[in-house]
Amino acid sequence: MNLNEKLDHFYTSVIESATAQGIQIVTDYENTLTKIYEERKQSALKKAENTYRIESDKIRREKNHLLSTEAFKIRRKLQEKVTEMVQQIFEDVEQKLKEFMQSPAYEDYLAAKITQAKAFAQNTEIIIYINPTDEGRKSVLENRTGVTLTISDRDFFGGIRAVIPSRSILIDHSFLTKLAEEKEAFKLS
């Protein structure tokens, strides 16, 4: 091999080596860029997913807060309406009781309750009170039942109250007490 052939061979070897190195450098650079791209892509996806999750949670909390606020307002309005309706019902009941107290059936009711109280006391001393508004019925009721009645110094709306002092028993058939019991039972149900 002569010098020119050696130079050509050297030149070809150097060019091939440089080309191979260049290709290797480009390949390595492409691989590095692809790796960086994938890492940044994964990082961006994770960041986007995290942002999406945070914003979704924030929207969900805001929605729940709004729903809770609206539910509270609705419950409050419903409770106000229920209270209003209950009040109206008991006003109607009181009006019906007032109407009942003007009827002859009320006198029969009082006589029946007085007789029951007297029977419960048996032969024991009993004090039976009628409402001050029923004072006009006192003599008729005493004649019907055979019991001496006392006019109460407290208004209990209607009905009777009786006391058996020897046994410390109070018999309460007053409309005021019955209404209070019904209001309480109505609230609990």
N, C-alpha and C. Protein backbone atom coordinates (compact mmCIF):
# COMPACT_ATOMS: atom_id res chain seq x y z
N MET A 1 0.83 -1.14 0.00
CA MET A 1 0.00 0.00 0.00
C MET A 1 0.90 1.24 0.00
N ASN A 2 0.55 2.13 -0.87
CA ASN A 2 1.37 3.32 -0.97
C ASN A 2 0.78 4.41 -0.08
N LEU A 3 1.40 5.54 -0.14
CA LEU A 3 1.06 6.63 0.76
C LEU A 3 -0.34 7.18 0.46
N ASN A 4 -0.68 7.30 -0.78
CA ASN A 4 -2.00 7.82 -1.15
C ASN A 4 -3.09 6.84 -0.70
N GLU A 5 -2.82 5.62 -0.88
CA GLU A 5 -3.80 4.62 -0.47
C GLU A 5 -3.94 4.63 1.05
N LYS A 6 -2.79 4.81 1.73
CA LYS A 6 -2.82 4.87 3.18
C LYS A 6 -3.60 6.11 3.63
N LEU A 7 -3.38 7.21 2.93
CA LEU A 7 -4.09 8.45 3.27
C LEU A 7 -5.60 8.29 2.99
N ASP A 8 -5.91 7.70 1.88
CA ASP A 8 -7.32 7.47 1.55
C ASP A 8 -7.97 6.55 2.61
N HIS A 9 -7.22 5.53 2.95
CA HIS A 9 -7.74 4.60 3.95
C HIS A 9 -7.92 5.32 5.31
N PHE A 10 -6.90 6.12 5.68
CA PHE A 10 -6.95 6.88 6.91
C PHE A 10 -8.12 7.88 6.88
N TYR A 11 -8.24 8.55 5.72
CA TYR A 11 -9.31 9.53 5.54
C TYR A 11 -10.69 8.84 5.67
N THR A 12 -10.85 7.72 5.03
CA THR A 12 -12.09 6.97 5.04
C THR A 12 -12.38 6.49 6.47
N SER A 13 -11.36 6.00 7.15
CA SER A 13 -11.54 5.51 8.52
C SER A 13 -11.94 6.65 9.45
N VAL A 14 -11.28 7.80 9.26
CA VAL A 14 -11.58 8.95 10.12
C VAL A 14 -13.00 9.44 9.84
N ILE A 15 -13.36 9.53 8.57
CA ILE A 15 -14.70 10.00 8.19
C ILE A 15 -15.75 9.02 8.73
N GLU A 16 -15.50 7.73 8.56
CA GLU A 16 -16.46 6.73 9.06
C GLU A 16 -16.56 6.81 10.58
N SER A 17 -15.42 6.96 11.24
CA SER A 17 -15.41 7.06 12.70
C SER A 17 -16.13 8.33 13.15
N ALA A 18 -15.86 9.45 12.46
CA ALA A 18 -16.51 10.72 12.80
C ALA A 18 -18.01 10.64 12.53
N THR A 19 -18.35 10.01 11.40
CA THR A 19 -19.77 9.86 11.06
C THR A 19 -20.45 8.98 12.11
N ALA A 20 -19.80 7.89 12.49
CA ALA A 20 -20.36 7.00 13.50
C ALA A 20 -20.50 7.73 14.84
N GLN A 21 -19.46 8.51 15.17
CA GLN A 21 -19.52 9.27 16.43
C GLN A 21 -20.63 10.33 16.35
N GLY A 22 -20.74 10.98 15.21
CA GLY A 22 -21.78 12.00 15.01
C GLY A 22 -23.17 11.38 15.13
N ILE A 23 -23.31 10.22 14.45
CA ILE A 23 -24.60 9.52 14.53
C ILE A 23 -24.88 9.12 15.97
N GLN A 24 -23.86 8.63 16.67
CA GLN A 24 -24.02 8.23 18.07
C GLN A 24 -24.38 9.43 18.94
N ILE A 25 -23.70 10.57 18.69
CA ILE A 25 -23.99 11.80 19.46
C ILE A 25 -25.42 12.25 19.19
N VAL A 26 -25.83 12.25 17.92
CA VAL A 26 -27.19 12.65 17.56
C VAL A 26 -28.20 11.69 18.19
N THR A 27 -27.92 10.40 18.12
CA THR A 27 -28.81 9.39 18.70
C THR A 27 -28.90 9.60 20.22
N ASP A 28 -27.74 9.78 20.86
CA ASP A 28 -27.74 10.02 22.31
C ASP A 28 -28.52 11.30 22.65
N TYR A 29 -28.31 12.34 21.83
CA TYR A 29 -28.98 13.62 22.05
C TYR A 29 -30.50 13.46 21.86
N GLU A 30 -30.88 12.72 20.82
CA GLU A 30 -32.31 12.45 20.59
C GLU A 30 -32.89 11.64 21.75
N ASN A 31 -32.16 10.64 22.22
CA ASN A 31 -32.63 9.83 23.35
C ASN A 31 -32.76 10.69 24.61
N THR A 32 -31.77 11.56 24.83
CA THR A 32 -31.82 12.45 25.99
C THR A 32 -33.00 13.40 25.88
N LEU A 33 -33.19 13.98 24.69
CA LEU A 33 -34.33 14.89 24.48
C LEU A 33 -35.66 14.15 24.65
N THR A 34 -35.73 12.92 24.12
CA THR A 34 -36.95 12.13 24.26
C THR A 34 -37.20 11.83 25.75
N LYS A 35 -36.15 11.50 26.48
CA LYS A 35 -36.27 11.21 27.91
C LYS A 35 -36.72 12.47 28.67
N ILE A 36 -36.10 13.60 28.36
CA ILE A 36 -36.48 14.88 29.00
C ILE A 36 -37.94 15.22 28.65
N TYR A 37 -38.28 15.02 27.38
CA TYR A 37 -39.65 15.29 26.94
C TYR A 37 -40.65 14.43 27.71
N GLU A 38 -40.36 13.12 27.83
CA GLU A 38 -41.26 12.22 28.55
C GLU A 38 -41.36 12.60 30.03
N GLU A 39 -40.22 12.96 30.64
CA GLU A 39 -40.24 13.37 32.04
C GLU A 39 -41.07 14.63 32.23
N ARG A 40 -40.86 15.61 31.36
CA ARG A 40 -41.62 16.87 31.45
C ARG A 40 -43.10 16.63 31.14
N LYS A 41 -43.35 15.74 30.19
CA LYS A 41 -44.72 15.41 29.85
C LYS A 41 -45.41 14.77 31.06
N GLN A 42 -44.73 13.80 31.70
CA GLN A 42 -45.28 13.15 32.89
C GLN A 42 -45.47 14.17 34.02
N SER A 43 -44.49 15.04 34.19
CA SER A 43 -44.58 16.08 35.22
C SER A 43 -45.75 17.01 34.94
N ALA A 44 -45.90 17.42 33.70
CA ALA A 44 -47.01 18.31 33.32
C ALA A 44 -48.35 17.60 33.51
N LEU A 45 -48.41 16.30 33.14
CA LEU A 45 -49.64 15.54 33.34
C LEU A 45 -49.98 15.41 34.83
N LYS A 46 -48.97 15.12 35.65
CA LYS A 46 -49.20 15.02 37.09
C LYS A 46 -49.66 16.36 37.65
N LYS A 47 -49.01 17.43 37.20
CA LYS A 47 -49.39 18.76 37.66
C LYS A 47 -50.82 19.08 37.23
N ALA A 48 -51.16 18.74 35.99
CA ALA A 48 -52.51 18.99 35.48
C ALA A 48 -53.54 18.15 36.25
N GLU A 49 -53.20 16.87 36.50
CA GLU A 49 -54.10 16.01 37.27
C GLU A 49 -54.29 16.55 38.69
N ASN A 50 -53.18 17.00 39.29
CA ASN A 50 -53.24 17.56 40.64
C ASN A 50 -54.09 18.83 40.66
N THR A 51 -53.88 19.70 39.69
CA THR A 51 -54.67 20.93 39.58
C THR A 51 -56.14 20.58 39.36
N TYR A 52 -56.39 19.61 38.49
CA TYR A 52 -57.76 19.17 38.21
C TYR A 52 -58.42 18.64 39.48
N ARG A 53 -57.69 17.80 40.22
CA ARG A 53 -58.21 17.23 41.46
C ARG A 53 -58.49 18.33 42.49
N ILE A 54 -57.54 19.26 42.65
CA ILE A 54 -57.71 20.35 43.61
C ILE A 54 -58.92 21.21 43.24
N GLU A 55 -59.02 21.56 41.97
CA GLU A 55 -60.14 22.39 41.52
C GLU A 55 -61.47 21.63 41.62
N SER A 56 -61.44 20.34 41.31
CA SER A 56 -62.66 19.52 41.45
C SER A 56 -63.10 19.47 42.91
N ASP A 57 -62.14 19.27 43.80
CA ASP A 57 -62.47 19.25 45.24
C ASP A 57 -63.00 20.60 45.69
N LYS A 58 -62.39 21.65 45.19
CA LYS A 58 -62.84 23.01 45.55
C LYS A 58 -64.28 23.22 45.06
N ILE A 59 -64.56 22.84 43.82
CA ILE A 59 -65.91 22.99 43.27
C ILE A 59 -66.89 22.12 44.05
N ARG A 60 -66.48 20.90 44.41
CA ARG A 60 -67.34 20.01 45.17
C ARG A 60 -67.64 20.60 46.55
N ARG A 61 -66.62 21.17 47.22
CA ARG A 61 -66.83 21.80 48.52
C ARG A 61 -67.76 23.00 48.40
N GLU A 62 -67.55 23.81 47.36
CA GLU A 62 -68.42 24.97 47.14
C GLU A 62 -69.86 24.51 46.89
N LYS A 63 -70.01 23.46 46.08
CA LYS A 63 -71.34 22.92 45.80
C LYS A 63 -71.98 22.40 47.08
N ASN A 64 -71.21 21.64 47.87
CA ASN A 64 -71.75 21.11 49.12
C ASN A 64 -72.12 22.24 50.08
N HIS A 65 -71.28 23.28 50.12
CA HIS A 65 -71.57 24.43 50.97
C HIS A 65 -72.87 25.10 50.53
N LEU A 66 -73.02 25.31 49.22
CA LEU A 66 -74.24 25.93 48.70
C LEU A 66 -75.45 25.05 48.98
N LEU A 67 -75.31 23.74 48.77
CA LEU A 67 -76.41 22.82 49.05
C LEU A 67 -76.77 22.84 50.53
N SER A 68 -75.75 22.85 51.38
CA SER A 68 -75.98 22.88 52.82
C SER A 68 -76.68 24.17 53.22
N THR A 69 -76.24 25.28 52.66
CA THR A 69 -76.86 26.57 52.96
C THR A 69 -78.31 26.58 52.51
N GLU A 70 -78.56 26.10 51.30
CA GLU A 70 -79.93 26.08 50.78
C GLU A 70 -80.80 25.11 51.58
N ALA A 71 -80.22 23.97 51.94
CA ALA A 71 -80.98 22.99 52.75
C ALA A 71 -81.34 23.60 54.10
N PHE A 72 -80.41 24.34 54.69
CA PHE A 72 -80.67 25.00 55.96
C PHE A 72 -81.80 26.03 55.81
N LYS A 73 -81.74 26.82 54.74
CA LYS A 73 -82.79 27.81 54.49
C LYS A 73 -84.15 27.13 54.30
N ILE A 74 -84.14 26.03 53.55
CA ILE A 74 -85.39 25.30 53.31
C ILE A 74 -85.92 24.72 54.62
N ARG A 75 -85.03 24.13 55.43
CA ARG A 75 -85.46 23.57 56.72
C ARG A 75 -86.02 24.68 57.61
N ARG A 76 -85.36 25.84 57.61
CA ARG A 76 -85.84 26.95 58.43
C ARG A 76 -87.22 27.41 57.96
N LYS A 77 -87.39 27.57 56.64
CA LYS A 77 -88.69 27.97 56.11
C LYS A 77 -89.75 26.92 56.41
N LEU A 78 -89.37 25.66 56.27
CA LEU A 78 -90.30 24.57 56.57
C LEU A 78 -90.69 24.59 58.04
N GLN A 79 -89.70 24.80 58.92
CA GLN A 79 -89.99 24.85 60.35
C GLN A 79 -90.90 26.03 60.68
N GLU A 80 -90.64 27.18 60.03
CA GLU A 80 -91.51 28.35 60.25
C GLU A 80 -92.94 28.03 59.81
N LYS A 81 -93.05 27.37 58.66
CA LYS A 81 -94.38 27.03 58.14
C LYS A 81 -95.06 26.01 59.06
N VAL A 82 -94.31 25.02 59.54
CA VAL A 82 -94.86 24.03 60.45
C VAL A 82 -95.32 24.72 61.74
N THR A 83 -94.50 25.61 62.26
CA THR A 83 -94.86 26.34 63.49
C THR A 83 -96.12 27.16 63.26
N GLU A 84 -96.19 27.80 62.11
CA GLU A 84 -97.37 28.59 61.77
C GLU A 84 -98.61 27.71 61.67
N MET A 85 -98.45 26.55 61.02
CA MET A 85 -99.58 25.63 60.86
C MET A 85 -100.03 25.06 62.21
N VAL A 86 -99.06 24.70 63.07
CA VAL A 86 -99.39 24.17 64.39
C VAL A 86 -100.13 25.24 65.20
N GLN A 87 -99.62 26.46 65.12
CA GLN A 87 -100.28 27.56 65.83
C GLN A 87 -101.71 27.73 65.32
N GLN A 88 -101.88 27.67 64.02
CA GLN A 88 -103.22 27.81 63.43
C GLN A 88 -104.13 26.66 63.87
N ILE A 89 -103.58 25.46 63.88
CA ILE A 89 -104.36 24.29 64.32
C ILE A 89 -104.86 24.49 65.75
N PHE A 90 -103.94 24.90 66.64
CA PHE A 90 -104.34 25.06 68.04
C PHE A 90 -105.25 26.26 68.26
N GLU A 91 -105.11 27.28 67.44
CA GLU A 91 -106.08 28.38 67.49
C GLU A 91 -107.46 27.88 67.08
N ASP A 92 -107.48 27.04 66.04
CA ASP A 92 -108.76 26.45 65.61
C ASP A 92 -109.34 25.55 66.70
N VAL A 93 -108.48 24.78 67.35
CA VAL A 93 -108.94 23.89 68.43
C VAL A 93 -109.52 24.73 69.58
N GLU A 94 -108.82 25.81 69.93
CA GLU A 94 -109.33 26.67 71.00
C GLU A 94 -110.69 27.26 70.62
N GLN A 95 -110.83 27.65 69.37
CA GLN A 95 -112.11 28.19 68.91
C GLN A 95 -113.20 27.12 68.99
N LYS A 96 -112.87 25.90 68.58
CA LYS A 96 -113.84 24.79 68.66
C LYS A 96 -114.20 24.51 70.12
N LEU A 97 -113.21 24.59 71.02
CA LEU A 97 -113.50 24.39 72.44
C LEU A 97 -114.42 25.48 72.97
N LYS A 98 -114.18 26.71 72.55
CA LYS A 98 -115.05 27.81 72.97
C LYS A 98 -116.48 27.58 72.48
N GLU A 99 -116.59 27.11 71.24
CA GLU A 99 -117.92 26.79 70.70
C GLU A 99 -118.55 25.64 71.48
N PHE A 100 -117.73 24.62 71.79
CA PHE A 100 -118.21 23.47 72.57
C PHE A 100 -118.69 23.91 73.94
N MET A 101 -117.97 24.86 74.55
CA MET A 101 -118.31 25.33 75.89
C MET A 101 -119.64 26.10 75.91
N GLN A 102 -120.11 26.51 74.76
CA GLN A 102 -121.41 27.20 74.68
C GLN A 102 -122.56 26.22 74.43
N SER A 103 -122.23 24.97 74.17
CA SER A 103 -123.26 23.98 73.84
C SER A 103 -123.72 23.22 75.08
N PRO A 104 -124.90 22.60 75.01
CA PRO A 104 -125.38 21.78 76.13
C PRO A 104 -124.48 20.56 76.39
N ALA A 105 -123.77 20.10 75.36
CA ALA A 105 -122.88 18.94 75.52
C ALA A 105 -121.76 19.24 76.52
N TYR A 106 -121.37 20.50 76.63
CA TYR A 106 -120.31 20.89 77.57
C TYR A 106 -120.78 20.65 79.01
N GLU A 107 -122.00 20.98 79.29
CA GLU A 107 -122.54 20.77 80.62
C GLU A 107 -122.56 19.27 80.94
N ASP A 108 -122.93 18.46 79.95
CA ASP A 108 -122.91 17.00 80.12
C ASP A 108 -121.47 16.51 80.38
N TYR A 109 -120.51 17.09 79.64
CA TYR A 109 -119.09 16.74 79.81
C TYR A 109 -118.65 17.05 81.24
N LEU A 110 -118.98 18.26 81.73
CA LEU A 110 -118.59 18.65 83.09
C LEU A 110 -119.22 17.71 84.11
N ALA A 111 -120.49 17.41 83.94
CA ALA A 111 -121.17 16.52 84.88
C ALA A 111 -120.51 15.15 84.89
N ALA A 112 -120.13 14.63 83.71
CA ALA A 112 -119.47 13.32 83.63
C ALA A 112 -118.11 13.35 84.33
N LYS A 113 -117.34 14.41 84.13
CA LYS A 113 -116.01 14.50 84.76
C LYS A 113 -116.14 14.66 86.27
N ILE A 114 -117.14 15.41 86.73
CA ILE A 114 -117.36 15.57 88.17
C ILE A 114 -117.74 14.22 88.79
N THR A 115 -118.61 13.48 88.11
CA THR A 115 -119.02 12.16 88.59
C THR A 115 -117.84 11.20 88.63
N GLN A 116 -116.98 11.24 87.61
CA GLN A 116 -115.78 10.38 87.59
C GLN A 116 -114.86 10.72 88.76
N ALA A 117 -114.63 12.01 88.99
CA ALA A 117 -113.75 12.42 90.09
C ALA A 117 -114.33 11.98 91.43
N LYS A 118 -115.63 12.14 91.60
CA LYS A 118 -116.30 11.73 92.84
C LYS A 118 -116.16 10.21 93.04
N ALA A 119 -116.35 9.45 91.97
CA ALA A 119 -116.22 7.99 92.05
C ALA A 119 -114.78 7.59 92.37
N PHE A 120 -113.82 8.29 91.82
CA PHE A 120 -112.42 7.98 92.08
C PHE A 120 -112.09 8.23 93.56
N ALA A 121 -112.64 9.30 94.11
CA ALA A 121 -112.36 9.64 95.52
C ALA A 121 -113.06 8.69 96.47
N GLN A 122 -114.05 7.98 95.99
CA GLN A 122 -114.88 7.08 96.80
C GLN A 122 -115.49 7.88 97.95
N ASN A 123 -115.21 7.56 99.17
CA ASN A 123 -115.81 8.28 100.30
C ASN A 123 -114.84 9.28 100.91
N THR A 124 -113.76 9.56 100.23
CA THR A 124 -112.76 10.49 100.73
C THR A 124 -113.18 11.92 100.38
N GLU A 125 -112.76 12.88 101.21
CA GLU A 125 -113.08 14.28 100.93
C GLU A 125 -112.43 14.69 99.61
N ILE A 126 -113.19 15.39 98.76
CA ILE A 126 -112.70 15.86 97.46
C ILE A 126 -113.19 17.29 97.26
N ILE A 127 -112.33 18.11 96.71
CA ILE A 127 -112.69 19.49 96.37
C ILE A 127 -112.65 19.57 94.85
N ILE A 128 -113.78 19.89 94.23
CA ILE A 128 -113.85 19.95 92.78
C ILE A 128 -114.01 21.41 92.37
N TYR A 129 -113.08 21.83 91.50
CA TYR A 129 -113.08 23.22 91.03
C TYR A 129 -113.62 23.29 89.61
N ILE A 130 -114.43 24.30 89.37
CA ILE A 130 -114.84 24.60 88.00
C ILE A 130 -114.24 25.95 87.62
N ASN A 131 -114.15 26.20 86.35
CA ASN A 131 -113.55 27.43 85.84
C ASN A 131 -114.43 28.63 86.20
N PRO A 132 -113.84 29.80 86.43
CA PRO A 132 -114.65 30.99 86.73
C PRO A 132 -115.67 31.32 85.63
N THR A 133 -115.38 30.96 84.38
CA THR A 133 -116.33 31.23 83.30
C THR A 133 -117.56 30.32 83.38
N ASP A 134 -117.47 29.26 84.18
CA ASP A 134 -118.59 28.32 84.32
C ASP A 134 -119.40 28.57 85.60
N GLU A 135 -119.21 29.70 86.21
CA GLU A 135 -119.89 30.01 87.47
C GLU A 135 -121.41 29.93 87.31
N GLY A 136 -121.93 30.32 86.16
CA GLY A 136 -123.37 30.27 85.92
C GLY A 136 -123.92 28.85 85.88
N ARG A 137 -123.09 27.87 85.67
CA ARG A 137 -123.52 26.47 85.61
C ARG A 137 -123.39 25.76 86.96
N LYS A 138 -122.84 26.43 87.94
CA LYS A 138 -122.53 25.81 89.23
C LYS A 138 -123.74 25.13 89.86
N SER A 139 -124.83 25.83 90.01
CA SER A 139 -126.00 25.26 90.70
C SER A 139 -126.59 24.09 89.91
N VAL A 140 -126.65 24.20 88.59
CA VAL A 140 -127.17 23.10 87.76
C VAL A 140 -126.28 21.86 87.91
N LEU A 141 -124.98 22.06 87.87
CA LEU A 141 -124.04 20.93 88.01
C LEU A 141 -124.11 20.31 89.41
N GLU A 142 -124.24 21.14 90.42
CA GLU A 142 -124.35 20.62 91.79
C GLU A 142 -125.62 19.77 91.93
N ASN A 143 -126.73 20.23 91.33
CA ASN A 143 -127.98 19.46 91.38
C ASN A 143 -127.84 18.14 90.62
N ARG A 144 -127.17 18.18 89.46
CA ARG A 144 -127.02 16.96 88.64
C ARG A 144 -126.11 15.93 89.29
N THR A 145 -125.04 16.40 89.96
CA THR A 145 -124.02 15.47 90.46
C THR A 145 -124.10 15.22 91.96
N GLY A 146 -124.75 16.11 92.68
CA GLY A 146 -124.81 15.95 94.14
C GLY A 146 -123.51 16.31 94.81
N VAL A 147 -122.67 17.08 94.16
CA VAL A 147 -121.36 17.46 94.70
C VAL A 147 -121.34 18.97 94.85
N THR A 148 -120.76 19.44 95.98
CA THR A 148 -120.57 20.88 96.16
C THR A 148 -119.35 21.30 95.37
N LEU A 149 -119.51 22.28 94.51
CA LEU A 149 -118.43 22.73 93.63
C LEU A 149 -117.83 24.03 94.13
N THR A 150 -116.57 24.25 93.81
CA THR A 150 -115.86 25.47 94.18
C THR A 150 -115.45 26.17 92.89
N ILE A 151 -115.62 27.49 92.88
CA ILE A 151 -115.16 28.28 91.72
C ILE A 151 -113.67 28.53 91.90
N SER A 152 -112.89 28.19 90.91
CA SER A 152 -111.44 28.36 90.98
C SER A 152 -111.08 29.84 90.91
N ASP A 153 -110.00 30.20 91.58
CA ASP A 153 -109.52 31.58 91.47
C ASP A 153 -108.57 31.73 90.29
N ARG A 154 -108.28 30.64 89.60
CA ARG A 154 -107.42 30.65 88.39
C ARG A 154 -108.24 30.19 87.19
N ASP A 155 -108.03 30.87 86.09
CA ASP A 155 -108.73 30.48 84.86
C ASP A 155 -107.96 29.32 84.23
N PHE A 156 -108.62 28.19 84.04
CA PHE A 156 -107.99 27.06 83.36
C PHE A 156 -108.74 26.70 82.09
N PHE A 157 -109.41 27.69 81.51
CA PHE A 157 -110.03 27.67 80.20
C PHE A 157 -111.32 26.86 80.13
N GLY A 158 -111.46 25.86 80.92
CA GLY A 158 -112.67 25.05 80.94
C GLY A 158 -112.36 23.69 81.50
N GLY A 159 -113.40 22.88 81.72
CA GLY A 159 -113.20 21.57 82.31
C GLY A 159 -113.25 21.67 83.82
N ILE A 160 -112.63 20.69 84.51
CA ILE A 160 -112.62 20.69 85.98
C ILE A 160 -111.23 20.33 86.48
N ARG A 161 -111.02 20.69 87.72
CA ARG A 161 -109.85 20.22 88.48
C ARG A 161 -110.39 19.77 89.83
N ALA A 162 -109.79 18.74 90.36
CA ALA A 162 -110.23 18.23 91.66
C ALA A 162 -109.01 17.88 92.49
N VAL A 163 -109.15 18.06 93.80
CA VAL A 163 -108.05 17.75 94.72
C VAL A 163 -108.60 16.83 95.80
N ILE A 164 -107.86 15.77 96.06
CA ILE A 164 -108.16 14.89 97.19
C ILE A 164 -107.07 15.15 98.21
N PRO A 165 -107.32 16.04 99.20
CA PRO A 165 -106.27 16.48 100.13
C PRO A 165 -105.63 15.35 100.93
N SER A 166 -106.43 14.38 101.37
CA SER A 166 -105.89 13.31 102.23
C SER A 166 -104.89 12.42 101.49
N ARG A 167 -105.02 12.32 100.17
CA ARG A 167 -104.12 11.47 99.39
C ARG A 167 -103.17 12.29 98.51
N SER A 168 -103.24 13.60 98.61
CA SER A 168 -102.40 14.52 97.81
C SER A 168 -102.50 14.20 96.32
N ILE A 169 -103.73 14.11 95.86
CA ILE A 169 -103.97 13.79 94.45
C ILE A 169 -104.65 14.97 93.78
N LEU A 170 -104.15 15.31 92.61
CA LEU A 170 -104.78 16.33 91.77
C LEU A 170 -105.33 15.64 90.53
N ILE A 171 -106.61 15.83 90.30
CA ILE A 171 -107.25 15.32 89.08
C ILE A 171 -107.44 16.52 88.18
N ASP A 172 -106.82 16.49 87.02
CA ASP A 172 -106.83 17.67 86.14
C ASP A 172 -107.48 17.32 84.81
N HIS A 173 -108.72 17.73 84.65
CA HIS A 173 -109.42 17.59 83.37
C HIS A 173 -109.69 18.97 82.79
N SER A 174 -108.71 19.87 82.99
CA SER A 174 -108.89 21.24 82.48
C SER A 174 -108.47 21.29 81.01
N PHE A 175 -109.13 22.14 80.27
CA PHE A 175 -108.81 22.30 78.85
C PHE A 175 -107.42 22.90 78.67
N LEU A 176 -107.02 23.77 79.60
CA LEU A 176 -105.70 24.40 79.52
C LEU A 176 -104.60 23.34 79.59
N THR A 177 -104.73 22.41 80.53
CA THR A 177 -103.74 21.34 80.67
C THR A 177 -103.78 20.40 79.47
N LYS A 178 -104.98 20.05 79.04
CA LYS A 178 -105.11 19.14 77.89
C LYS A 178 -104.50 19.76 76.64
N LEU A 179 -104.74 21.06 76.43
CA LEU A 179 -104.14 21.74 75.27
C LEU A 179 -102.62 21.74 75.37
N ALA A 180 -102.10 22.03 76.55
CA ALA A 180 -100.64 22.04 76.74
C ALA A 180 -100.04 20.66 76.47
N GLU A 181 -100.72 19.60 76.96
CA GLU A 181 -100.24 18.24 76.72
C GLU A 181 -100.26 17.91 75.23
N GLU A 182 -101.32 18.30 74.56
CA GLU A 182 -101.43 18.02 73.12
C GLU A 182 -100.39 18.81 72.32
N LYS A 183 -100.14 20.05 72.71
CA LYS A 183 -99.10 20.84 72.03
C LYS A 183 -97.74 20.17 72.19
N GLU A 184 -97.45 19.72 73.40
CA GLU A 184 -96.17 19.07 73.65
C GLU A 184 -96.06 17.75 72.86
N ALA A 185 -97.12 16.96 72.87
CA ALA A 185 -97.11 15.70 72.12
C ALA A 185 -97.02 15.98 70.63
N PHE A 186 -97.65 17.03 70.18
CA PHE A 186 -97.63 17.40 68.76
C PHE A 186 -96.22 17.80 68.33
N LYS A 187 -95.49 18.50 69.20
CA LYS A 187 -94.12 18.92 68.89
C LYS A 187 -93.17 17.74 68.82
N LEU A 188 -93.40 16.74 69.67
CA LEU A 188 -92.52 15.59 69.72
C LEU A 188 -92.71 14.65 68.55
N SER A 189 -93.90 14.66 67.95
CA SER A 189 -94.14 13.70 66.88
C SER A 189 -93.77 14.23 65.54
